[in-house]
Amino acid sequence: MSQFFYVHPENPQVRLMKQAVEILKKGGVIIYPTDSGYALGCTMDNKRGLDKICQIRDLDKKHNFTLVCRDLAEIATYARVDNQAYRALKNNTPGAYTFIFKSTKDLPKRLMNPAKRTIGIRIPDNAIALALLEELGEPLMTTSLILPGKESTEFDPEEIRDQLEHQVELILNGGYLGEAPTTVIDFSDDGVVIRREGAGDLTPFQ
């Protein structure tokens, strides 16, 4: 059975963030709030955690996984970002966007799309997520919590607890959230391609 932390949505308790990071570093999978519903996350080196996330969401390894980062400085280590894309990120993060880039050699192969060698990158506009990332000190491997057969992200932490408390190690309750997934912007080829319209405003990319 998972632990269930009630976290203040604007001023996350440092003690709870430290406990969450301990669980992550011991190989745990967590559910945490973002600016586009709840998400599943584990550390980048947690192969078993990645497999568990795929099982919960019924994903195959071709899925484009995402690294959630605390700031722009972390992104260049794992994604190849040109000047145009960097300006777009600077102007639109933190926010409800996932940006797809070609990956660098520093990204573990199991995290990148095997065919396109791409990775999703995002910086969420959510105090709990950012506090968690600050305490962790590295990006979090993540995917939106969209359960099999559904199209929207889960938004009710109590319902999430009922459905998944035996499948993850920790659920961070940050209150009710919006259920629209991120807007996905693809910079991996020439030009800018909108892959999914979601919570993020499309205007800057049209």
N, C-alpha and C. Protein backbone atom coordinates (compact mmCIF):
# COMPACT_ATOMS: atom_id res chain seq x y z
N MET A 1 0.84 -1.20 0.00
CA MET A 1 0.00 0.00 0.00
C MET A 1 0.88 1.25 0.00
N SER A 2 0.51 2.22 -0.80
CA SER A 2 1.34 3.42 -0.93
C SER A 2 1.13 4.37 0.24
N GLN A 3 2.13 5.24 0.45
CA GLN A 3 1.96 6.34 1.38
C GLN A 3 1.18 7.45 0.67
N PHE A 4 0.53 8.30 1.47
CA PHE A 4 -0.35 9.33 0.92
C PHE A 4 -0.09 10.61 1.70
N PHE A 5 0.56 11.58 1.04
CA PHE A 5 0.93 12.82 1.72
C PHE A 5 0.00 13.95 1.28
N TYR A 6 -0.54 14.69 2.26
CA TYR A 6 -1.30 15.90 1.95
C TYR A 6 -0.31 17.07 1.91
N VAL A 7 -0.11 17.62 0.73
CA VAL A 7 0.92 18.65 0.54
C VAL A 7 0.25 19.99 0.25
N HIS A 8 0.76 21.04 0.90
CA HIS A 8 0.20 22.37 0.67
C HIS A 8 0.50 22.78 -0.77
N PRO A 9 -0.53 23.19 -1.54
CA PRO A 9 -0.33 23.44 -2.97
C PRO A 9 0.54 24.65 -3.30
N GLU A 10 0.66 25.59 -2.35
CA GLU A 10 1.46 26.80 -2.61
C GLU A 10 2.76 26.81 -1.82
N ASN A 11 2.76 26.21 -0.65
CA ASN A 11 3.97 26.16 0.18
C ASN A 11 4.22 24.72 0.62
N PRO A 12 4.74 23.90 -0.29
CA PRO A 12 4.95 22.47 0.03
C PRO A 12 5.86 22.29 1.24
N GLN A 13 5.46 21.39 2.12
CA GLN A 13 6.23 21.14 3.33
C GLN A 13 7.57 20.48 2.98
N VAL A 14 8.65 21.12 3.42
CA VAL A 14 10.00 20.62 3.10
C VAL A 14 10.18 19.19 3.60
N ARG A 15 9.65 18.91 4.78
CA ARG A 15 9.78 17.56 5.36
C ARG A 15 9.17 16.51 4.42
N LEU A 16 8.02 16.82 3.85
CA LEU A 16 7.36 15.86 2.96
C LEU A 16 8.12 15.72 1.64
N MET A 17 8.71 16.81 1.15
CA MET A 17 9.51 16.73 -0.08
C MET A 17 10.74 15.86 0.14
N LYS A 18 11.35 15.99 1.30
CA LYS A 18 12.52 15.15 1.61
C LYS A 18 12.13 13.67 1.69
N GLN A 19 10.99 13.39 2.28
CA GLN A 19 10.53 12.00 2.37
C GLN A 19 10.20 11.45 0.98
N ALA A 20 9.61 12.28 0.14
CA ALA A 20 9.28 11.86 -1.22
C ALA A 20 10.55 11.51 -2.00
N VAL A 21 11.57 12.32 -1.85
CA VAL A 21 12.84 12.08 -2.55
C VAL A 21 13.50 10.80 -2.03
N GLU A 22 13.41 10.57 -0.75
CA GLU A 22 13.94 9.31 -0.20
C GLU A 22 13.27 8.11 -0.84
N ILE A 23 11.96 8.19 -1.01
CA ILE A 23 11.21 7.09 -1.64
C ILE A 23 11.64 6.92 -3.10
N LEU A 24 11.81 8.04 -3.82
CA LEU A 24 12.27 7.97 -5.20
C LEU A 24 13.64 7.33 -5.30
N LYS A 25 14.56 7.74 -4.43
CA LYS A 25 15.93 7.24 -4.50
C LYS A 25 16.05 5.77 -4.08
N LYS A 26 15.06 5.28 -3.39
CA LYS A 26 15.03 3.85 -3.03
C LYS A 26 14.34 3.00 -4.09
N GLY A 27 14.01 3.63 -5.23
CA GLY A 27 13.42 2.87 -6.32
C GLY A 27 11.92 2.97 -6.42
N GLY A 28 11.32 3.91 -5.70
CA GLY A 28 9.86 4.03 -5.71
C GLY A 28 9.32 4.74 -6.93
N VAL A 29 8.07 4.43 -7.25
CA VAL A 29 7.29 5.17 -8.25
C VAL A 29 6.29 6.03 -7.50
N ILE A 30 6.18 7.28 -7.89
CA ILE A 30 5.27 8.19 -7.19
C ILE A 30 4.25 8.79 -8.16
N ILE A 31 3.17 9.28 -7.60
CA ILE A 31 2.19 10.07 -8.32
C ILE A 31 2.22 11.46 -7.72
N TYR A 32 2.36 12.48 -8.58
CA TYR A 32 2.53 13.84 -8.05
C TYR A 32 1.77 14.83 -8.94
N PRO A 33 1.44 16.00 -8.39
CA PRO A 33 0.66 16.98 -9.16
C PRO A 33 1.53 17.81 -10.09
N THR A 34 0.96 18.19 -11.25
CA THR A 34 1.60 19.12 -12.16
C THR A 34 0.57 20.18 -12.53
N ASP A 35 0.91 21.00 -13.51
CA ASP A 35 -0.03 22.02 -13.96
C ASP A 35 -0.99 21.47 -15.02
N SER A 36 -0.95 20.17 -15.25
CA SER A 36 -1.88 19.55 -16.22
C SER A 36 -2.32 18.19 -15.70
N GLY A 37 -2.81 18.17 -14.48
CA GLY A 37 -3.24 16.92 -13.88
C GLY A 37 -2.10 16.20 -13.16
N TYR A 38 -2.39 14.99 -12.70
CA TYR A 38 -1.39 14.21 -11.97
C TYR A 38 -0.51 13.43 -12.94
N ALA A 39 0.70 13.09 -12.46
CA ALA A 39 1.67 12.38 -13.29
C ALA A 39 2.32 11.26 -12.49
N LEU A 40 2.85 10.28 -13.22
CA LEU A 40 3.65 9.20 -12.64
C LEU A 40 5.12 9.56 -12.81
N GLY A 41 5.93 9.27 -11.80
CA GLY A 41 7.34 9.60 -11.91
C GLY A 41 8.25 8.63 -11.18
N CYS A 42 9.50 8.53 -11.68
CA CYS A 42 10.56 7.78 -11.01
C CYS A 42 11.89 8.40 -11.42
N THR A 43 12.98 8.01 -10.77
CA THR A 43 14.28 8.54 -11.14
C THR A 43 14.71 7.99 -12.49
N MET A 44 15.63 8.69 -13.13
CA MET A 44 16.07 8.30 -14.48
C MET A 44 16.75 6.94 -14.52
N ASP A 45 17.38 6.55 -13.43
CA ASP A 45 18.12 5.27 -13.42
C ASP A 45 17.27 4.10 -12.94
N ASN A 46 15.98 4.32 -12.74
CA ASN A 46 15.10 3.29 -12.16
C ASN A 46 14.41 2.50 -13.27
N LYS A 47 15.10 1.48 -13.78
CA LYS A 47 14.54 0.68 -14.87
C LYS A 47 13.26 -0.04 -14.44
N ARG A 48 13.26 -0.59 -13.23
CA ARG A 48 12.07 -1.29 -12.74
C ARG A 48 10.90 -0.33 -12.58
N GLY A 49 11.21 0.89 -12.14
CA GLY A 49 10.16 1.90 -12.02
C GLY A 49 9.56 2.26 -13.36
N LEU A 50 10.41 2.38 -14.38
CA LEU A 50 9.92 2.67 -15.73
C LEU A 50 9.01 1.55 -16.22
N ASP A 51 9.41 0.31 -15.96
CA ASP A 51 8.58 -0.83 -16.36
C ASP A 51 7.23 -0.80 -15.65
N LYS A 52 7.24 -0.40 -14.38
CA LYS A 52 5.98 -0.33 -13.63
C LYS A 52 5.07 0.76 -14.19
N ILE A 53 5.64 1.89 -14.54
CA ILE A 53 4.86 2.98 -15.13
C ILE A 53 4.24 2.53 -16.44
N CYS A 54 5.01 1.82 -17.27
CA CYS A 54 4.49 1.30 -18.53
C CYS A 54 3.33 0.33 -18.28
N GLN A 55 3.46 -0.46 -17.23
CA GLN A 55 2.40 -1.43 -16.90
C GLN A 55 1.13 -0.71 -16.44
N ILE A 56 1.27 0.30 -15.59
CA ILE A 56 0.11 1.04 -15.09
C ILE A 56 -0.64 1.72 -16.24
N ARG A 57 0.11 2.29 -17.16
CA ARG A 57 -0.50 3.03 -18.26
C ARG A 57 -0.72 2.19 -19.51
N ASP A 58 -0.26 0.95 -19.48
CA ASP A 58 -0.37 0.07 -20.65
C ASP A 58 0.33 0.69 -21.86
N LEU A 59 1.61 1.07 -21.65
CA LEU A 59 2.41 1.69 -22.70
C LEU A 59 3.43 0.71 -23.23
N ASP A 60 3.81 0.90 -24.50
CA ASP A 60 4.96 0.14 -25.00
C ASP A 60 6.19 1.04 -24.97
N LYS A 61 7.33 0.45 -25.31
CA LYS A 61 8.59 1.20 -25.18
C LYS A 61 8.77 2.26 -26.27
N LYS A 62 7.82 2.34 -27.20
CA LYS A 62 7.89 3.38 -28.23
C LYS A 62 7.30 4.70 -27.75
N HIS A 63 6.71 4.68 -26.57
CA HIS A 63 6.12 5.89 -26.02
C HIS A 63 7.20 6.95 -25.83
N ASN A 64 6.86 8.21 -26.12
CA ASN A 64 7.81 9.30 -25.92
C ASN A 64 7.74 9.77 -24.46
N PHE A 65 8.68 9.29 -23.66
CA PHE A 65 8.71 9.67 -22.25
C PHE A 65 9.22 11.10 -22.09
N THR A 66 9.01 11.64 -20.89
CA THR A 66 9.34 13.04 -20.63
C THR A 66 10.23 13.16 -19.40
N LEU A 67 11.19 14.06 -19.49
CA LEU A 67 11.96 14.46 -18.32
C LEU A 67 11.38 15.78 -17.81
N VAL A 68 10.95 15.77 -16.56
CA VAL A 68 10.47 16.99 -15.94
C VAL A 68 11.65 17.65 -15.24
N CYS A 69 11.93 18.89 -15.62
CA CYS A 69 13.11 19.60 -15.14
C CYS A 69 12.70 20.79 -14.29
N ARG A 70 13.61 21.22 -13.44
CA ARG A 70 13.30 22.37 -12.57
C ARG A 70 13.61 23.70 -13.24
N ASP A 71 14.55 23.69 -14.23
CA ASP A 71 14.89 24.94 -14.91
C ASP A 71 15.54 24.62 -16.26
N LEU A 72 15.80 25.67 -17.02
CA LEU A 72 16.36 25.50 -18.36
C LEU A 72 17.78 24.94 -18.33
N ALA A 73 18.51 25.21 -17.25
CA ALA A 73 19.91 24.77 -17.18
C ALA A 73 20.04 23.25 -17.27
N GLU A 74 19.04 22.52 -16.77
CA GLU A 74 19.12 21.06 -16.78
C GLU A 74 18.87 20.47 -18.17
N ILE A 75 18.16 21.22 -19.01
CA ILE A 75 17.66 20.65 -20.26
C ILE A 75 18.78 20.30 -21.24
N ALA A 76 19.79 21.18 -21.36
CA ALA A 76 20.82 21.00 -22.38
C ALA A 76 21.63 19.72 -22.19
N THR A 77 21.63 19.17 -21.00
CA THR A 77 22.36 17.92 -20.75
C THR A 77 21.72 16.76 -21.50
N TYR A 78 20.41 16.80 -21.67
CA TYR A 78 19.69 15.64 -22.19
C TYR A 78 19.03 15.87 -23.55
N ALA A 79 18.92 17.14 -23.98
CA ALA A 79 18.22 17.45 -25.23
C ALA A 79 19.03 18.44 -26.06
N ARG A 80 18.97 18.27 -27.38
CA ARG A 80 19.68 19.18 -28.29
C ARG A 80 18.74 20.34 -28.63
N VAL A 81 19.04 21.48 -28.06
CA VAL A 81 18.15 22.65 -28.16
C VAL A 81 18.87 23.77 -28.91
N ASP A 82 18.33 24.18 -30.06
CA ASP A 82 18.95 25.29 -30.80
C ASP A 82 18.44 26.63 -30.24
N ASN A 83 18.94 27.71 -30.82
CA ASN A 83 18.62 29.04 -30.29
C ASN A 83 17.14 29.37 -30.37
N GLN A 84 16.50 28.99 -31.50
CA GLN A 84 15.08 29.28 -31.65
C GLN A 84 14.26 28.54 -30.59
N ALA A 85 14.57 27.27 -30.40
CA ALA A 85 13.84 26.48 -29.42
C ALA A 85 14.10 26.99 -28.00
N TYR A 86 15.34 27.40 -27.74
CA TYR A 86 15.67 27.90 -26.40
C TYR A 86 14.85 29.15 -26.09
N ARG A 87 14.71 30.04 -27.07
CA ARG A 87 13.89 31.25 -26.84
C ARG A 87 12.44 30.87 -26.56
N ALA A 88 11.94 29.87 -27.28
CA ALA A 88 10.55 29.43 -27.06
C ALA A 88 10.38 28.87 -25.66
N LEU A 89 11.36 28.09 -25.20
CA LEU A 89 11.29 27.54 -23.85
C LEU A 89 11.37 28.65 -22.81
N LYS A 90 12.27 29.59 -23.02
CA LYS A 90 12.46 30.67 -22.05
C LYS A 90 11.18 31.49 -21.90
N ASN A 91 10.46 31.68 -23.03
CA ASN A 91 9.26 32.51 -23.00
C ASN A 91 8.01 31.77 -22.52
N ASN A 92 8.05 30.43 -22.50
CA ASN A 92 6.83 29.67 -22.22
C ASN A 92 6.97 28.66 -21.09
N THR A 93 8.04 28.78 -20.31
CA THR A 93 8.20 27.90 -19.15
C THR A 93 8.44 28.75 -17.91
N PRO A 94 7.99 28.28 -16.74
CA PRO A 94 7.23 27.04 -16.56
C PRO A 94 5.82 27.16 -17.16
N GLY A 95 5.29 26.03 -17.60
CA GLY A 95 3.97 26.03 -18.19
C GLY A 95 3.54 24.65 -18.62
N ALA A 96 2.30 24.54 -19.08
CA ALA A 96 1.70 23.23 -19.38
C ALA A 96 2.04 22.78 -20.80
N TYR A 97 3.35 22.69 -21.06
CA TYR A 97 3.84 22.25 -22.36
C TYR A 97 4.81 21.08 -22.20
N THR A 98 4.81 20.19 -23.18
CA THR A 98 5.87 19.21 -23.33
C THR A 98 6.55 19.51 -24.66
N PHE A 99 7.87 19.68 -24.63
CA PHE A 99 8.65 19.97 -25.83
C PHE A 99 9.45 18.74 -26.20
N ILE A 100 9.39 18.34 -27.46
CA ILE A 100 10.10 17.15 -27.92
C ILE A 100 11.36 17.57 -28.68
N PHE A 101 12.49 16.99 -28.27
CA PHE A 101 13.78 17.29 -28.89
C PHE A 101 14.53 15.99 -29.20
N LYS A 102 15.50 16.12 -30.10
CA LYS A 102 16.47 15.04 -30.26
C LYS A 102 17.27 14.95 -28.97
N SER A 103 17.55 13.72 -28.55
CA SER A 103 18.26 13.53 -27.29
C SER A 103 19.78 13.62 -27.47
N THR A 104 20.48 13.89 -26.40
CA THR A 104 21.93 13.88 -26.40
C THR A 104 22.42 12.48 -26.01
N LYS A 105 23.72 12.29 -26.07
CA LYS A 105 24.31 11.00 -25.71
C LYS A 105 24.23 10.73 -24.21
N ASP A 106 23.97 11.76 -23.42
CA ASP A 106 23.91 11.59 -21.96
C ASP A 106 22.58 11.00 -21.50
N LEU A 107 21.61 10.94 -22.39
CA LEU A 107 20.30 10.38 -22.02
C LEU A 107 20.32 8.87 -22.12
N PRO A 108 19.93 8.16 -21.06
CA PRO A 108 19.85 6.69 -21.15
C PRO A 108 18.95 6.25 -22.30
N LYS A 109 19.39 5.25 -23.06
CA LYS A 109 18.66 4.83 -24.25
C LYS A 109 17.24 4.38 -23.95
N ARG A 110 17.02 3.80 -22.77
CA ARG A 110 15.68 3.29 -22.47
C ARG A 110 14.66 4.41 -22.30
N LEU A 111 15.13 5.65 -22.13
CA LEU A 111 14.23 6.78 -21.94
C LEU A 111 13.86 7.46 -23.25
N MET A 112 14.66 7.26 -24.28
CA MET A 112 14.39 7.95 -25.54
C MET A 112 13.52 7.10 -26.44
N ASN A 113 12.82 7.78 -27.36
CA ASN A 113 12.06 7.07 -28.37
C ASN A 113 13.05 6.30 -29.24
N PRO A 114 12.91 4.97 -29.35
CA PRO A 114 13.94 4.17 -30.03
C PRO A 114 14.07 4.46 -31.51
N ALA A 115 12.98 4.86 -32.15
CA ALA A 115 13.03 5.11 -33.59
C ALA A 115 13.55 6.52 -33.89
N LYS A 116 13.05 7.50 -33.15
CA LYS A 116 13.38 8.89 -33.44
C LYS A 116 14.51 9.43 -32.57
N ARG A 117 14.87 8.69 -31.51
CA ARG A 117 15.90 9.14 -30.56
C ARG A 117 15.56 10.52 -29.99
N THR A 118 14.29 10.64 -29.56
CA THR A 118 13.80 11.89 -29.01
C THR A 118 13.42 11.73 -27.54
N ILE A 119 13.25 12.86 -26.88
CA ILE A 119 12.81 12.87 -25.49
C ILE A 119 11.92 14.09 -25.28
N GLY A 120 10.89 13.93 -24.46
CA GLY A 120 10.05 15.05 -24.08
C GLY A 120 10.68 15.79 -22.90
N ILE A 121 10.54 17.10 -22.90
CA ILE A 121 11.08 17.95 -21.84
C ILE A 121 9.98 18.89 -21.37
N ARG A 122 9.85 19.05 -20.05
CA ARG A 122 8.91 20.06 -19.58
C ARG A 122 9.32 20.63 -18.23
N ILE A 123 8.88 21.86 -17.98
CA ILE A 123 9.07 22.53 -16.69
C ILE A 123 7.68 22.93 -16.22
N PRO A 124 7.11 22.21 -15.26
CA PRO A 124 5.71 22.46 -14.88
C PRO A 124 5.54 23.70 -14.01
N ASP A 125 4.42 24.37 -14.17
CA ASP A 125 4.09 25.52 -13.34
C ASP A 125 3.26 25.04 -12.16
N ASN A 126 3.92 24.31 -11.28
CA ASN A 126 3.25 23.76 -10.09
C ASN A 126 4.25 23.77 -8.95
N ALA A 127 3.88 24.39 -7.84
CA ALA A 127 4.82 24.59 -6.73
C ALA A 127 5.30 23.26 -6.14
N ILE A 128 4.41 22.28 -6.06
CA ILE A 128 4.80 20.99 -5.48
C ILE A 128 5.80 20.27 -6.37
N ALA A 129 5.49 20.24 -7.67
CA ALA A 129 6.41 19.59 -8.61
C ALA A 129 7.78 20.25 -8.60
N LEU A 130 7.82 21.58 -8.58
CA LEU A 130 9.10 22.28 -8.60
C LEU A 130 9.87 22.10 -7.30
N ALA A 131 9.17 22.05 -6.17
CA ALA A 131 9.83 21.80 -4.89
C ALA A 131 10.40 20.39 -4.84
N LEU A 132 9.67 19.44 -5.39
CA LEU A 132 10.14 18.06 -5.46
C LEU A 132 11.40 17.96 -6.30
N LEU A 133 11.40 18.62 -7.46
CA LEU A 133 12.57 18.59 -8.34
C LEU A 133 13.77 19.28 -7.71
N GLU A 134 13.52 20.36 -7.00
CA GLU A 134 14.61 21.07 -6.32
C GLU A 134 15.25 20.17 -5.27
N GLU A 135 14.44 19.46 -4.53
CA GLU A 135 14.96 18.56 -3.50
C GLU A 135 15.68 17.36 -4.13
N LEU A 136 15.16 16.87 -5.25
CA LEU A 136 15.77 15.71 -5.92
C LEU A 136 17.10 16.07 -6.56
N GLY A 137 17.17 17.27 -7.14
CA GLY A 137 18.43 17.72 -7.72
C GLY A 137 18.73 17.18 -9.11
N GLU A 138 17.74 16.58 -9.74
CA GLU A 138 17.90 16.06 -11.10
C GLU A 138 16.51 15.93 -11.72
N PRO A 139 16.42 15.78 -13.04
CA PRO A 139 15.10 15.61 -13.67
C PRO A 139 14.41 14.33 -13.22
N LEU A 140 13.11 14.33 -13.34
CA LEU A 140 12.29 13.18 -12.97
C LEU A 140 11.72 12.57 -14.25
N MET A 141 11.92 11.26 -14.43
CA MET A 141 11.32 10.57 -15.56
C MET A 141 9.82 10.50 -15.30
N THR A 142 9.03 10.93 -16.27
CA THR A 142 7.61 11.07 -15.97
C THR A 142 6.72 10.83 -17.18
N THR A 143 5.46 10.58 -16.91
CA THR A 143 4.43 10.56 -17.93
C THR A 143 3.12 10.94 -17.27
N SER A 144 2.25 11.60 -18.01
CA SER A 144 0.95 11.98 -17.45
C SER A 144 0.19 10.75 -16.99
N LEU A 145 -0.57 10.90 -15.92
CA LEU A 145 -1.37 9.79 -15.40
C LEU A 145 -2.68 9.72 -16.18
N ILE A 146 -2.60 9.11 -17.34
CA ILE A 146 -3.77 8.84 -18.17
C ILE A 146 -3.98 7.33 -18.17
N LEU A 147 -5.01 6.88 -17.51
CA LEU A 147 -5.22 5.45 -17.34
C LEU A 147 -5.72 4.82 -18.64
N PRO A 148 -5.47 3.53 -18.82
CA PRO A 148 -5.90 2.86 -20.06
C PRO A 148 -7.39 3.08 -20.35
N GLY A 149 -7.69 3.41 -21.59
CA GLY A 149 -9.07 3.64 -22.00
C GLY A 149 -9.55 5.06 -21.81
N LYS A 150 -8.71 5.92 -21.20
CA LYS A 150 -9.09 7.32 -20.97
C LYS A 150 -8.23 8.25 -21.82
N GLU A 151 -8.72 9.47 -22.02
CA GLU A 151 -8.00 10.44 -22.82
C GLU A 151 -7.52 11.64 -22.01
N SER A 152 -8.05 11.80 -20.80
CA SER A 152 -7.66 12.93 -19.98
C SER A 152 -6.86 12.46 -18.77
N THR A 153 -6.06 13.37 -18.22
CA THR A 153 -5.25 13.04 -17.05
C THR A 153 -6.13 12.97 -15.80
N GLU A 154 -5.70 12.15 -14.85
CA GLU A 154 -6.43 12.05 -13.59
C GLU A 154 -6.24 13.32 -12.77
N PHE A 155 -7.31 13.76 -12.10
CA PHE A 155 -7.27 15.06 -11.42
C PHE A 155 -7.72 14.98 -9.96
N ASP A 156 -8.30 13.86 -9.54
CA ASP A 156 -8.85 13.71 -8.19
C ASP A 156 -7.95 12.78 -7.39
N PRO A 157 -7.18 13.30 -6.42
CA PRO A 157 -6.23 12.46 -5.70
C PRO A 157 -6.87 11.33 -4.89
N GLU A 158 -8.08 11.53 -4.42
CA GLU A 158 -8.74 10.47 -3.65
C GLU A 158 -9.13 9.31 -4.58
N GLU A 159 -9.61 9.62 -5.78
CA GLU A 159 -9.92 8.56 -6.75
C GLU A 159 -8.65 7.84 -7.19
N ILE A 160 -7.58 8.60 -7.36
CA ILE A 160 -6.29 7.99 -7.71
C ILE A 160 -5.87 7.01 -6.62
N ARG A 161 -6.07 7.41 -5.38
CA ARG A 161 -5.71 6.53 -4.26
C ARG A 161 -6.51 5.24 -4.30
N ASP A 162 -7.80 5.34 -4.58
CA ASP A 162 -8.65 4.16 -4.64
C ASP A 162 -8.19 3.19 -5.73
N GLN A 163 -7.72 3.74 -6.85
CA GLN A 163 -7.38 2.91 -8.00
C GLN A 163 -5.95 2.38 -7.97
N LEU A 164 -5.01 3.17 -7.41
CA LEU A 164 -3.60 2.85 -7.62
C LEU A 164 -2.76 2.72 -6.35
N GLU A 165 -3.38 2.74 -5.18
CA GLU A 165 -2.56 2.75 -3.97
C GLU A 165 -1.75 1.48 -3.77
N HIS A 166 -2.11 0.41 -4.45
CA HIS A 166 -1.34 -0.82 -4.33
C HIS A 166 -0.29 -0.97 -5.44
N GLN A 167 -0.22 0.02 -6.32
CA GLN A 167 0.70 -0.09 -7.46
C GLN A 167 1.84 0.90 -7.44
N VAL A 168 1.78 1.90 -6.57
CA VAL A 168 2.86 2.87 -6.44
C VAL A 168 3.27 2.99 -4.98
N GLU A 169 4.41 3.63 -4.75
CA GLU A 169 4.92 3.76 -3.38
C GLU A 169 4.44 5.02 -2.67
N LEU A 170 4.07 6.05 -3.44
CA LEU A 170 3.68 7.32 -2.82
C LEU A 170 2.74 8.09 -3.74
N ILE A 171 1.72 8.70 -3.14
CA ILE A 171 0.83 9.63 -3.83
C ILE A 171 0.92 10.97 -3.10
N LEU A 172 1.27 12.02 -3.84
CA LEU A 172 1.30 13.37 -3.27
C LEU A 172 -0.02 14.05 -3.60
N ASN A 173 -0.81 14.31 -2.59
CA ASN A 173 -2.12 14.96 -2.77
C ASN A 173 -1.92 16.46 -2.77
N GLY A 174 -2.05 17.04 -3.97
CA GLY A 174 -1.94 18.49 -4.11
C GLY A 174 -3.26 19.14 -4.43
N GLY A 175 -4.37 18.43 -4.13
CA GLY A 175 -5.69 18.97 -4.38
C GLY A 175 -6.21 18.59 -5.75
N TYR A 176 -7.41 19.06 -6.07
CA TYR A 176 -8.01 18.82 -7.38
C TYR A 176 -7.30 19.66 -8.43
N LEU A 177 -7.06 19.07 -9.59
CA LEU A 177 -6.32 19.74 -10.65
C LEU A 177 -7.12 19.74 -11.94
N GLY A 178 -6.64 20.51 -12.93
CA GLY A 178 -7.22 20.43 -14.26
C GLY A 178 -6.90 19.08 -14.88
N GLU A 179 -7.73 18.63 -15.80
CA GLU A 179 -7.53 17.30 -16.36
C GLU A 179 -7.07 17.32 -17.82
N ALA A 180 -6.80 18.51 -18.37
CA ALA A 180 -6.28 18.58 -19.73
C ALA A 180 -4.79 18.25 -19.72
N PRO A 181 -4.32 17.40 -20.62
CA PRO A 181 -2.89 17.09 -20.68
C PRO A 181 -2.11 18.28 -21.23
N THR A 182 -0.80 18.17 -21.26
CA THR A 182 0.03 19.24 -21.79
C THR A 182 -0.18 19.42 -23.29
N THR A 183 0.12 20.60 -23.76
CA THR A 183 0.26 20.83 -25.19
C THR A 183 1.65 20.34 -25.60
N VAL A 184 1.72 19.56 -26.68
CA VAL A 184 2.99 18.96 -27.10
C VAL A 184 3.51 19.68 -28.34
N ILE A 185 4.72 20.25 -28.22
CA ILE A 185 5.36 20.98 -29.31
C ILE A 185 6.64 20.22 -29.70
N ASP A 186 6.74 19.87 -30.97
CA ASP A 186 7.85 19.04 -31.45
C ASP A 186 8.89 19.89 -32.18
N PHE A 187 10.11 19.95 -31.59
CA PHE A 187 11.23 20.65 -32.20
C PHE A 187 12.26 19.67 -32.75
N SER A 188 11.93 18.40 -32.85
CA SER A 188 12.95 17.39 -33.19
C SER A 188 13.31 17.36 -34.66
N ASP A 189 12.45 17.87 -35.53
CA ASP A 189 12.75 17.98 -36.96
C ASP A 189 12.84 19.45 -37.33
N ASP A 190 13.04 19.73 -38.59
CA ASP A 190 13.08 21.13 -39.03
C ASP A 190 11.71 21.77 -38.80
N GLY A 191 11.72 22.96 -38.20
CA GLY A 191 10.47 23.64 -37.95
C GLY A 191 9.84 23.23 -36.64
N VAL A 192 8.64 23.74 -36.42
CA VAL A 192 7.89 23.49 -35.19
C VAL A 192 6.60 22.77 -35.56
N VAL A 193 6.34 21.64 -34.90
CA VAL A 193 5.13 20.86 -35.19
C VAL A 193 4.32 20.72 -33.90
N ILE A 194 3.04 21.06 -33.96
CA ILE A 194 2.16 20.89 -32.80
C ILE A 194 1.62 19.47 -32.84
N ARG A 195 2.01 18.67 -31.88
CA ARG A 195 1.60 17.26 -31.84
C ARG A 195 0.30 17.04 -31.07
N ARG A 196 0.02 17.90 -30.11
CA ARG A 196 -1.21 17.75 -29.33
C ARG A 196 -1.61 19.10 -28.75
N GLU A 197 -2.87 19.44 -28.88
CA GLU A 197 -3.38 20.64 -28.24
C GLU A 197 -3.89 20.27 -26.86
N GLY A 198 -3.40 20.95 -25.85
CA GLY A 198 -3.79 20.65 -24.48
C GLY A 198 -3.93 21.91 -23.65
N ALA A 199 -3.42 21.87 -22.43
CA ALA A 199 -3.61 22.98 -21.50
C ALA A 199 -2.80 24.22 -21.86
N GLY A 200 -1.68 24.04 -22.56
CA GLY A 200 -0.83 25.18 -22.92
C GLY A 200 -1.37 25.94 -24.12
N ASP A 201 -1.29 27.26 -24.09
CA ASP A 201 -1.80 28.13 -25.15
C ASP A 201 -0.97 27.91 -26.43
N LEU A 202 -1.65 27.70 -27.54
CA LEU A 202 -0.99 27.45 -28.82
C LEU A 202 -0.49 28.73 -29.49
N THR A 203 -0.99 29.87 -29.09
CA THR A 203 -0.72 31.13 -29.80
C THR A 203 0.77 31.38 -30.07
N PRO A 204 1.66 31.15 -29.10
CA PRO A 204 3.08 31.45 -29.38
C PRO A 204 3.70 30.58 -30.45
N PHE A 205 3.05 29.50 -30.84
CA PHE A 205 3.66 28.53 -31.76
C PHE A 205 2.94 28.47 -33.11
N GLN A 206 2.04 29.39 -33.34
CA GLN A 206 1.28 29.39 -34.59
C GLN A 206 1.75 30.50 -35.53
